[in-house]
Amino acid sequence: MKTISLADAAKLALVELKQLHSHFYTDCKGGCPTDEAIKALETALADKDAPIASSEENDNIFLINGIECLLFEGKRVAVTPNPDFPHKFEARHADDDISSPATLEKKVTINFWGTVFAQEKFTMEHDCAFIESINDLDEVLSGFDGFDVDAAADYAESREAA
């Protein structure tokens, strides 16, 4: 008998479940036990493919809305590399600005900016937390107040008008 990995076996089972579901539950609108099993397998396979961050990346500590967080820009990270940061979020960037995160959510598929692990949970409104402030912890500890976004925008507008 051929040896097969658990992930490959789960992928095969997912294909079979989808075929059976579409054949026997043609009117299903979601929520049946088979549909739930399909979603669970898809989630497990998606999380399995996400990398685990290395401990060398623990230097990415930032304050987001006053909460200490580890940031991994452009990376989907499945497991926190530091148990002091147990709460996982995914960051979404704005449509018109991909340079920084705008919101934190449980799962982001469009406008993914990166993965965030926080020491505390964020207050979620409408399934997201808006990022009001973000500062590098080292800069905060050294007295740096962060960037004045309004001043930078005013300067850019004055340069365009000139």
N, C-alpha and C. Protein backbone atom coordinates (compact mmCIF):
# COMPACT_ATOMS: atom_id res chain seq x y z
N MET A 1 0.84 -1.19 0.00
CA MET A 1 0.00 0.00 0.00
C MET A 1 0.88 1.25 0.00
N LYS A 2 0.52 2.23 -0.80
CA LYS A 2 1.26 3.48 -0.92
C LYS A 2 1.09 4.33 0.35
N THR A 3 2.17 4.95 0.81
CA THR A 3 2.11 5.84 1.96
C THR A 3 1.63 7.20 1.49
N ILE A 4 0.71 7.79 2.25
CA ILE A 4 0.16 9.11 1.89
C ILE A 4 0.15 9.98 3.14
N SER A 5 0.43 11.26 2.96
CA SER A 5 0.45 12.18 4.10
C SER A 5 -0.99 12.49 4.53
N LEU A 6 -1.12 12.94 5.76
CA LEU A 6 -2.43 13.31 6.29
C LEU A 6 -3.04 14.46 5.47
N ALA A 7 -2.21 15.42 5.07
CA ALA A 7 -2.71 16.55 4.28
C ALA A 7 -3.24 16.08 2.92
N ASP A 8 -2.51 15.17 2.27
CA ASP A 8 -2.98 14.65 0.98
C ASP A 8 -4.26 13.84 1.15
N ALA A 9 -4.35 13.08 2.23
CA ALA A 9 -5.57 12.31 2.50
C ALA A 9 -6.75 13.25 2.73
N ALA A 10 -6.51 14.36 3.46
CA ALA A 10 -7.58 15.33 3.71
C ALA A 10 -8.02 15.99 2.40
N LYS A 11 -7.07 16.27 1.50
CA LYS A 11 -7.42 16.87 0.20
C LYS A 11 -8.29 15.92 -0.62
N LEU A 12 -7.94 14.63 -0.61
CA LEU A 12 -8.76 13.64 -1.31
C LEU A 12 -10.16 13.54 -0.71
N ALA A 13 -10.22 13.52 0.62
CA ALA A 13 -11.51 13.46 1.29
C ALA A 13 -12.35 14.69 0.97
N LEU A 14 -11.71 15.85 0.88
CA LEU A 14 -12.42 17.08 0.56
C LEU A 14 -13.03 17.01 -0.84
N VAL A 15 -12.29 16.51 -1.80
CA VAL A 15 -12.81 16.36 -3.17
C VAL A 15 -14.02 15.44 -3.18
N GLU A 16 -13.90 14.29 -2.49
CA GLU A 16 -15.02 13.34 -2.44
C GLU A 16 -16.23 13.93 -1.75
N LEU A 17 -16.02 14.62 -0.63
CA LEU A 17 -17.13 15.24 0.08
C LEU A 17 -17.86 16.26 -0.80
N LYS A 18 -17.09 17.06 -1.53
CA LYS A 18 -17.70 18.06 -2.41
C LYS A 18 -18.53 17.39 -3.51
N GLN A 19 -18.02 16.30 -4.07
CA GLN A 19 -18.77 15.60 -5.11
C GLN A 19 -20.05 15.00 -4.55
N LEU A 20 -19.94 14.33 -3.41
CA LEU A 20 -21.13 13.73 -2.79
C LEU A 20 -22.14 14.80 -2.41
N HIS A 21 -21.65 15.89 -1.86
CA HIS A 21 -22.54 16.97 -1.43
C HIS A 21 -23.31 17.56 -2.61
N SER A 22 -22.59 17.81 -3.70
CA SER A 22 -23.26 18.41 -4.86
C SER A 22 -24.26 17.43 -5.50
N HIS A 23 -24.01 16.12 -5.37
CA HIS A 23 -24.89 15.12 -5.96
C HIS A 23 -26.14 14.89 -5.10
N PHE A 24 -25.96 14.73 -3.78
CA PHE A 24 -27.06 14.37 -2.91
C PHE A 24 -27.79 15.56 -2.29
N TYR A 25 -27.13 16.70 -2.19
CA TYR A 25 -27.73 17.87 -1.56
C TYR A 25 -27.77 19.03 -2.55
N THR A 26 -28.47 18.83 -3.64
CA THR A 26 -28.48 19.82 -4.73
C THR A 26 -29.13 21.14 -4.30
N ASP A 27 -30.03 21.10 -3.33
CA ASP A 27 -30.72 22.33 -2.89
C ASP A 27 -30.11 22.93 -1.62
N CYS A 28 -28.98 22.40 -1.16
CA CYS A 28 -28.37 22.88 0.08
C CYS A 28 -27.92 24.33 -0.06
N LYS A 29 -28.29 25.13 0.90
CA LYS A 29 -27.87 26.53 0.93
C LYS A 29 -26.77 26.75 1.98
N GLY A 30 -26.21 25.66 2.49
CA GLY A 30 -25.17 25.75 3.52
C GLY A 30 -25.73 25.41 4.88
N GLY A 31 -24.86 24.98 5.76
CA GLY A 31 -25.27 24.69 7.13
C GLY A 31 -25.55 23.23 7.42
N CYS A 32 -25.64 22.37 6.39
CA CYS A 32 -25.85 20.95 6.65
C CYS A 32 -24.54 20.36 7.18
N PRO A 33 -24.58 19.19 7.81
CA PRO A 33 -23.36 18.59 8.38
C PRO A 33 -22.24 18.38 7.35
N THR A 34 -22.61 18.00 6.13
CA THR A 34 -21.58 17.79 5.10
C THR A 34 -20.93 19.12 4.72
N ASP A 35 -21.75 20.16 4.60
CA ASP A 35 -21.22 21.49 4.28
C ASP A 35 -20.27 21.96 5.38
N GLU A 36 -20.64 21.73 6.63
CA GLU A 36 -19.79 22.11 7.76
C GLU A 36 -18.46 21.33 7.73
N ALA A 37 -18.52 20.05 7.38
CA ALA A 37 -17.31 19.23 7.29
C ALA A 37 -16.39 19.75 6.18
N ILE A 38 -16.99 20.15 5.06
CA ILE A 38 -16.21 20.70 3.95
C ILE A 38 -15.50 21.97 4.39
N LYS A 39 -16.23 22.86 5.05
CA LYS A 39 -15.63 24.12 5.52
C LYS A 39 -14.51 23.85 6.54
N ALA A 40 -14.73 22.88 7.42
CA ALA A 40 -13.70 22.55 8.42
C ALA A 40 -12.43 22.02 7.76
N LEU A 41 -12.58 21.16 6.77
CA LEU A 41 -11.41 20.64 6.04
C LEU A 41 -10.69 21.75 5.28
N GLU A 42 -11.45 22.62 4.62
CA GLU A 42 -10.83 23.73 3.89
C GLU A 42 -10.05 24.64 4.82
N THR A 43 -10.62 24.93 5.99
CA THR A 43 -9.94 25.77 6.97
C THR A 43 -8.68 25.09 7.49
N ALA A 44 -8.78 23.81 7.81
CA ALA A 44 -7.62 23.08 8.33
C ALA A 44 -6.51 23.02 7.29
N LEU A 45 -6.86 22.79 6.04
CA LEU A 45 -5.84 22.73 4.98
C LEU A 45 -5.23 24.11 4.72
N ALA A 46 -6.03 25.16 4.80
CA ALA A 46 -5.51 26.52 4.58
C ALA A 46 -4.54 26.88 5.70
N ASP A 47 -4.90 26.59 6.96
CA ASP A 47 -4.02 26.90 8.08
C ASP A 47 -2.76 26.07 8.05
N LYS A 48 -2.84 24.81 7.56
CA LYS A 48 -1.68 23.95 7.50
C LYS A 48 -0.62 24.49 6.55
N ASP A 49 -1.07 25.13 5.47
CA ASP A 49 -0.14 25.67 4.49
C ASP A 49 0.53 26.96 4.96
N ALA A 50 -0.04 27.61 5.98
CA ALA A 50 0.54 28.85 6.47
C ALA A 50 1.81 28.55 7.26
N PRO A 51 2.83 29.36 7.08
CA PRO A 51 4.09 29.11 7.78
C PRO A 51 3.99 29.43 9.26
N ILE A 52 4.90 28.87 10.02
CA ILE A 52 5.04 29.20 11.43
C ILE A 52 6.19 30.19 11.53
N ALA A 53 5.96 31.31 12.18
CA ALA A 53 6.99 32.34 12.26
C ALA A 53 8.14 31.87 13.11
N SER A 54 9.33 32.30 12.76
CA SER A 54 10.50 31.94 13.54
C SER A 54 10.66 32.90 14.71
N SER A 55 11.37 32.47 15.73
CA SER A 55 11.58 33.32 16.90
C SER A 55 12.44 34.52 16.57
N GLU A 56 13.19 34.47 15.46
CA GLU A 56 14.02 35.61 15.07
C GLU A 56 13.16 36.80 14.67
N GLU A 57 11.90 36.56 14.34
CA GLU A 57 11.03 37.64 13.89
C GLU A 57 10.32 38.34 15.05
N ASN A 58 10.70 38.05 16.29
CA ASN A 58 10.07 38.67 17.45
C ASN A 58 10.44 40.13 17.61
N ASP A 59 11.31 40.66 16.73
CA ASP A 59 11.69 42.07 16.82
C ASP A 59 10.63 42.97 16.22
N ASN A 60 9.58 42.41 15.66
CA ASN A 60 8.54 43.19 14.99
C ASN A 60 7.47 43.65 15.97
N ILE A 61 7.86 44.14 17.14
CA ILE A 61 6.88 44.54 18.15
C ILE A 61 6.46 45.98 17.92
N PHE A 62 5.14 46.17 17.80
CA PHE A 62 4.57 47.49 17.58
C PHE A 62 3.43 47.70 18.57
N LEU A 63 3.07 48.94 18.78
CA LEU A 63 1.87 49.28 19.54
C LEU A 63 0.78 49.62 18.54
N ILE A 64 -0.29 48.86 18.56
CA ILE A 64 -1.45 49.16 17.72
C ILE A 64 -2.59 49.52 18.65
N ASN A 65 -3.09 50.73 18.53
CA ASN A 65 -4.15 51.23 19.41
C ASN A 65 -3.79 51.00 20.88
N GLY A 66 -2.50 51.13 21.19
CA GLY A 66 -2.03 51.00 22.57
C GLY A 66 -1.78 49.58 23.04
N ILE A 67 -1.95 48.58 22.17
CA ILE A 67 -1.75 47.17 22.53
C ILE A 67 -0.48 46.66 21.86
N GLU A 68 0.39 45.99 22.64
CA GLU A 68 1.61 45.43 22.06
C GLU A 68 1.27 44.28 21.13
N CYS A 69 1.89 44.30 19.93
CA CYS A 69 1.60 43.31 18.90
C CYS A 69 2.87 42.91 18.16
N LEU A 70 2.87 41.70 17.63
CA LEU A 70 3.89 41.25 16.68
C LEU A 70 3.30 41.41 15.29
N LEU A 71 4.04 42.03 14.38
CA LEU A 71 3.57 42.23 13.02
C LEU A 71 4.40 41.44 12.04
N PHE A 72 3.73 40.82 11.06
CA PHE A 72 4.40 40.08 10.00
C PHE A 72 3.82 40.57 8.68
N GLU A 73 4.45 41.60 8.12
CA GLU A 73 3.95 42.23 6.91
C GLU A 73 4.08 41.29 5.72
N GLY A 74 2.97 41.12 4.99
CA GLY A 74 2.96 40.31 3.78
C GLY A 74 3.03 38.81 4.03
N LYS A 75 2.89 38.39 5.28
CA LYS A 75 3.00 36.95 5.60
C LYS A 75 1.75 36.46 6.29
N ARG A 76 1.33 35.26 5.89
CA ARG A 76 0.27 34.56 6.62
C ARG A 76 0.96 33.59 7.57
N VAL A 77 0.81 33.84 8.84
CA VAL A 77 1.49 33.05 9.86
C VAL A 77 0.44 32.30 10.66
N ALA A 78 0.60 30.98 10.78
CA ALA A 78 -0.42 30.15 11.42
C ALA A 78 -0.34 30.15 12.94
N VAL A 79 0.87 30.13 13.49
CA VAL A 79 1.05 29.95 14.93
C VAL A 79 1.95 31.05 15.47
N THR A 80 1.57 31.61 16.60
CA THR A 80 2.39 32.67 17.19
C THR A 80 3.76 32.12 17.60
N PRO A 81 4.82 32.88 17.32
CA PRO A 81 6.15 32.44 17.74
C PRO A 81 6.44 32.80 19.19
N ASN A 82 5.53 33.54 19.82
CA ASN A 82 5.75 34.01 21.18
C ASN A 82 4.44 33.87 21.95
N PRO A 83 4.42 33.03 22.99
CA PRO A 83 3.17 32.81 23.74
C PRO A 83 2.65 34.06 24.46
N ASP A 84 3.46 35.12 24.56
CA ASP A 84 2.99 36.36 25.16
C ASP A 84 2.02 37.11 24.24
N PHE A 85 1.92 36.66 22.99
CA PHE A 85 1.05 37.29 22.00
C PHE A 85 0.08 36.24 21.45
N PRO A 86 -0.93 35.84 22.25
CA PRO A 86 -1.78 34.70 21.87
C PRO A 86 -2.93 35.01 20.90
N HIS A 87 -3.27 36.27 20.72
CA HIS A 87 -4.46 36.61 19.93
C HIS A 87 -4.07 36.92 18.48
N LYS A 88 -4.57 36.10 17.55
CA LYS A 88 -4.20 36.22 16.13
C LYS A 88 -5.25 37.03 15.37
N PHE A 89 -4.75 37.95 14.55
CA PHE A 89 -5.60 38.74 13.65
C PHE A 89 -4.91 38.84 12.31
N GLU A 90 -5.67 39.11 11.28
CA GLU A 90 -5.09 39.42 9.98
C GLU A 90 -5.39 40.88 9.70
N ALA A 91 -4.42 41.58 9.11
CA ALA A 91 -4.56 43.00 8.84
C ALA A 91 -4.93 43.22 7.38
N ARG A 92 -5.82 44.17 7.16
CA ARG A 92 -6.25 44.55 5.81
C ARG A 92 -5.76 45.96 5.54
N HIS A 93 -5.24 46.19 4.33
CA HIS A 93 -4.88 47.55 3.94
C HIS A 93 -6.04 48.20 3.21
N ALA A 94 -6.03 49.51 3.11
CA ALA A 94 -7.08 50.25 2.41
C ALA A 94 -6.93 50.04 0.91
N ASP A 95 -8.01 50.25 0.18
CA ASP A 95 -7.98 50.13 -1.28
C ASP A 95 -6.98 51.09 -1.92
N ASP A 96 -6.87 52.29 -1.35
CA ASP A 96 -6.03 53.32 -1.96
C ASP A 96 -4.66 53.48 -1.30
N ASP A 97 -4.32 52.62 -0.31
CA ASP A 97 -3.03 52.72 0.35
C ASP A 97 -2.61 51.34 0.85
N ILE A 98 -1.69 50.72 0.12
CA ILE A 98 -1.26 49.37 0.50
C ILE A 98 -0.07 49.38 1.45
N SER A 99 0.41 50.56 1.83
CA SER A 99 1.63 50.64 2.62
C SER A 99 1.46 50.34 4.10
N SER A 100 0.25 50.47 4.62
CA SER A 100 0.06 50.22 6.05
C SER A 100 -1.30 49.59 6.29
N PRO A 101 -1.44 48.88 7.41
CA PRO A 101 -2.71 48.23 7.71
C PRO A 101 -3.77 49.24 8.14
N ALA A 102 -5.02 48.97 7.78
CA ALA A 102 -6.13 49.85 8.13
C ALA A 102 -7.06 49.23 9.17
N THR A 103 -7.27 47.90 9.06
CA THR A 103 -8.15 47.21 10.00
C THR A 103 -7.54 45.87 10.40
N LEU A 104 -8.01 45.36 11.54
CA LEU A 104 -7.67 44.01 12.00
C LEU A 104 -8.94 43.19 11.98
N GLU A 105 -8.83 41.96 11.45
CA GLU A 105 -9.98 41.08 11.33
C GLU A 105 -9.54 39.65 11.62
N LYS A 106 -10.50 38.76 11.80
CA LYS A 106 -10.17 37.35 12.04
C LYS A 106 -9.61 36.70 10.79
N LYS A 107 -10.13 37.04 9.61
CA LYS A 107 -9.66 36.46 8.36
C LYS A 107 -9.81 37.49 7.25
N VAL A 108 -8.74 37.69 6.50
CA VAL A 108 -8.75 38.64 5.38
C VAL A 108 -8.40 37.89 4.11
N THR A 109 -9.22 38.05 3.08
CA THR A 109 -8.90 37.44 1.79
C THR A 109 -8.54 38.48 0.74
N ILE A 110 -9.16 39.65 0.80
CA ILE A 110 -8.87 40.72 -0.15
C ILE A 110 -8.18 41.85 0.60
N ASN A 111 -7.15 42.45 -0.01
CA ASN A 111 -6.36 43.52 0.59
C ASN A 111 -5.60 43.05 1.83
N PHE A 112 -5.12 41.81 1.80
CA PHE A 112 -4.33 41.26 2.91
C PHE A 112 -3.03 42.05 3.06
N TRP A 113 -2.77 42.53 4.28
CA TRP A 113 -1.53 43.27 4.56
C TRP A 113 -0.53 42.40 5.32
N GLY A 114 -1.03 41.62 6.28
CA GLY A 114 -0.13 40.77 7.07
C GLY A 114 -0.85 40.15 8.26
N THR A 115 -0.07 39.45 9.08
CA THR A 115 -0.59 38.78 10.27
C THR A 115 -0.15 39.54 11.51
N VAL A 116 -1.04 39.63 12.49
CA VAL A 116 -0.77 40.34 13.73
C VAL A 116 -1.10 39.41 14.90
N PHE A 117 -0.18 39.31 15.84
CA PHE A 117 -0.44 38.60 17.09
C PHE A 117 -0.41 39.64 18.21
N ALA A 118 -1.48 39.69 19.01
CA ALA A 118 -1.61 40.72 20.04
C ALA A 118 -1.60 40.13 21.44
N GLN A 119 -1.14 40.97 22.40
CA GLN A 119 -1.17 40.54 23.79
C GLN A 119 -2.59 40.52 24.34
N GLU A 120 -3.43 41.38 23.80
CA GLU A 120 -4.83 41.48 24.25
C GLU A 120 -5.74 41.44 23.03
N LYS A 121 -7.00 41.15 23.28
CA LYS A 121 -7.98 41.18 22.18
C LYS A 121 -8.33 42.63 21.88
N PHE A 122 -8.60 42.90 20.61
CA PHE A 122 -9.06 44.21 20.20
C PHE A 122 -10.58 44.26 20.26
N THR A 123 -11.13 45.44 20.50
CA THR A 123 -12.58 45.62 20.46
C THR A 123 -13.00 45.63 19.00
N MET A 124 -13.83 44.68 18.63
CA MET A 124 -14.25 44.52 17.23
C MET A 124 -15.61 45.18 17.04
N GLU A 125 -15.71 46.01 16.00
CA GLU A 125 -16.98 46.58 15.58
C GLU A 125 -17.23 46.14 14.15
N HIS A 126 -18.36 45.52 13.91
CA HIS A 126 -18.70 45.03 12.57
C HIS A 126 -17.60 44.08 12.06
N ASP A 127 -17.16 43.16 12.91
CA ASP A 127 -16.17 42.13 12.58
C ASP A 127 -14.77 42.66 12.30
N CYS A 128 -14.48 43.92 12.68
CA CYS A 128 -13.12 44.42 12.49
C CYS A 128 -12.80 45.46 13.56
N ALA A 129 -11.50 45.69 13.73
CA ALA A 129 -11.03 46.77 14.60
C ALA A 129 -10.25 47.74 13.73
N PHE A 130 -10.64 49.00 13.75
CA PHE A 130 -9.94 50.00 12.95
C PHE A 130 -8.63 50.37 13.63
N ILE A 131 -7.58 50.45 12.86
CA ILE A 131 -6.27 50.82 13.40
C ILE A 131 -6.21 52.35 13.44
N GLU A 132 -6.20 52.87 14.66
CA GLU A 132 -6.16 54.32 14.85
C GLU A 132 -4.74 54.82 15.05
N SER A 133 -3.87 53.98 15.61
CA SER A 133 -2.47 54.37 15.80
C SER A 133 -1.60 53.12 15.73
N ILE A 134 -0.41 53.31 15.17
CA ILE A 134 0.56 52.21 15.09
C ILE A 134 1.95 52.81 15.21
N ASN A 135 2.70 52.31 16.18
CA ASN A 135 4.04 52.81 16.43
C ASN A 135 4.99 51.66 16.75
N ASP A 136 6.22 51.78 16.28
CA ASP A 136 7.28 50.82 16.62
C ASP A 136 7.56 50.96 18.10
N LEU A 137 7.56 49.85 18.86
CA LEU A 137 7.74 49.91 20.30
C LEU A 137 9.09 50.53 20.67
N ASP A 138 10.15 50.21 19.92
CA ASP A 138 11.45 50.79 20.21
C ASP A 138 11.41 52.31 20.07
N GLU A 139 10.71 52.81 19.06
CA GLU A 139 10.60 54.25 18.87
C GLU A 139 9.77 54.89 19.98
N VAL A 140 8.71 54.20 20.41
CA VAL A 140 7.89 54.72 21.50
C VAL A 140 8.73 54.81 22.77
N LEU A 141 9.50 53.76 23.07
CA LEU A 141 10.32 53.75 24.28
C LEU A 141 11.43 54.81 24.22
N SER A 142 11.87 55.17 23.01
CA SER A 142 12.92 56.17 22.88
C SER A 142 12.36 57.59 22.82
N GLY A 143 11.03 57.73 22.91
CA GLY A 143 10.44 59.05 22.93
C GLY A 143 9.88 59.51 21.59
N PHE A 144 9.98 58.69 20.53
CA PHE A 144 9.44 59.05 19.23
C PHE A 144 7.93 58.98 19.29
N ASP A 145 7.25 60.02 18.82
CA ASP A 145 5.79 60.09 18.92
C ASP A 145 5.05 59.47 17.75
N GLY A 146 5.76 59.02 16.73
CA GLY A 146 5.10 58.48 15.55
C GLY A 146 4.96 59.55 14.49
N PHE A 147 4.45 59.17 13.39
CA PHE A 147 4.29 60.08 12.27
C PHE A 147 3.00 60.87 12.40
N ASP A 148 3.05 62.11 12.01
CA ASP A 148 1.86 62.93 11.95
C ASP A 148 1.28 62.78 10.55
N VAL A 149 0.30 61.90 10.42
CA VAL A 149 -0.27 61.58 9.11
C VAL A 149 -0.89 62.82 8.47
N ASP A 150 -1.58 63.65 9.26
CA ASP A 150 -2.21 64.84 8.71
C ASP A 150 -1.18 65.82 8.17
N ALA A 151 -0.07 66.00 8.90
CA ALA A 151 0.98 66.91 8.44
C ALA A 151 1.60 66.40 7.15
N ALA A 152 1.80 65.10 7.04
CA ALA A 152 2.37 64.53 5.82
C ALA A 152 1.42 64.72 4.65
N ALA A 153 0.13 64.56 4.87
CA ALA A 153 -0.86 64.74 3.81
C ALA A 153 -0.93 66.21 3.38
N ASP A 154 -0.89 67.12 4.37
CA ASP A 154 -0.90 68.55 4.06
C ASP A 154 0.32 68.93 3.23
N TYR A 155 1.48 68.39 3.60
CA TYR A 155 2.71 68.68 2.86
C TYR A 155 2.59 68.16 1.42
N ALA A 156 2.09 66.94 1.25
CA ALA A 156 1.94 66.36 -0.08
C ALA A 156 0.99 67.19 -0.93
N GLU A 157 -0.12 67.65 -0.34
CA GLU A 157 -1.07 68.47 -1.09
C GLU A 157 -0.45 69.81 -1.49
N SER A 158 0.35 70.41 -0.60
CA SER A 158 0.97 71.69 -0.92
C SER A 158 1.99 71.53 -2.06
N ARG A 159 2.68 70.39 -2.12
CA ARG A 159 3.64 70.13 -3.18
C ARG A 159 2.93 69.94 -4.52
N GLU A 160 1.75 69.29 -4.49
CA GLU A 160 0.99 69.07 -5.71
C GLU A 160 0.42 70.38 -6.24
N ALA A 161 0.02 71.27 -5.33
CA ALA A 161 -0.55 72.56 -5.74
C ALA A 161 0.49 73.48 -6.33
N ALA A 162 1.74 73.30 -5.95
CA ALA A 162 2.81 74.19 -6.41
C ALA A 162 3.24 73.95 -7.83
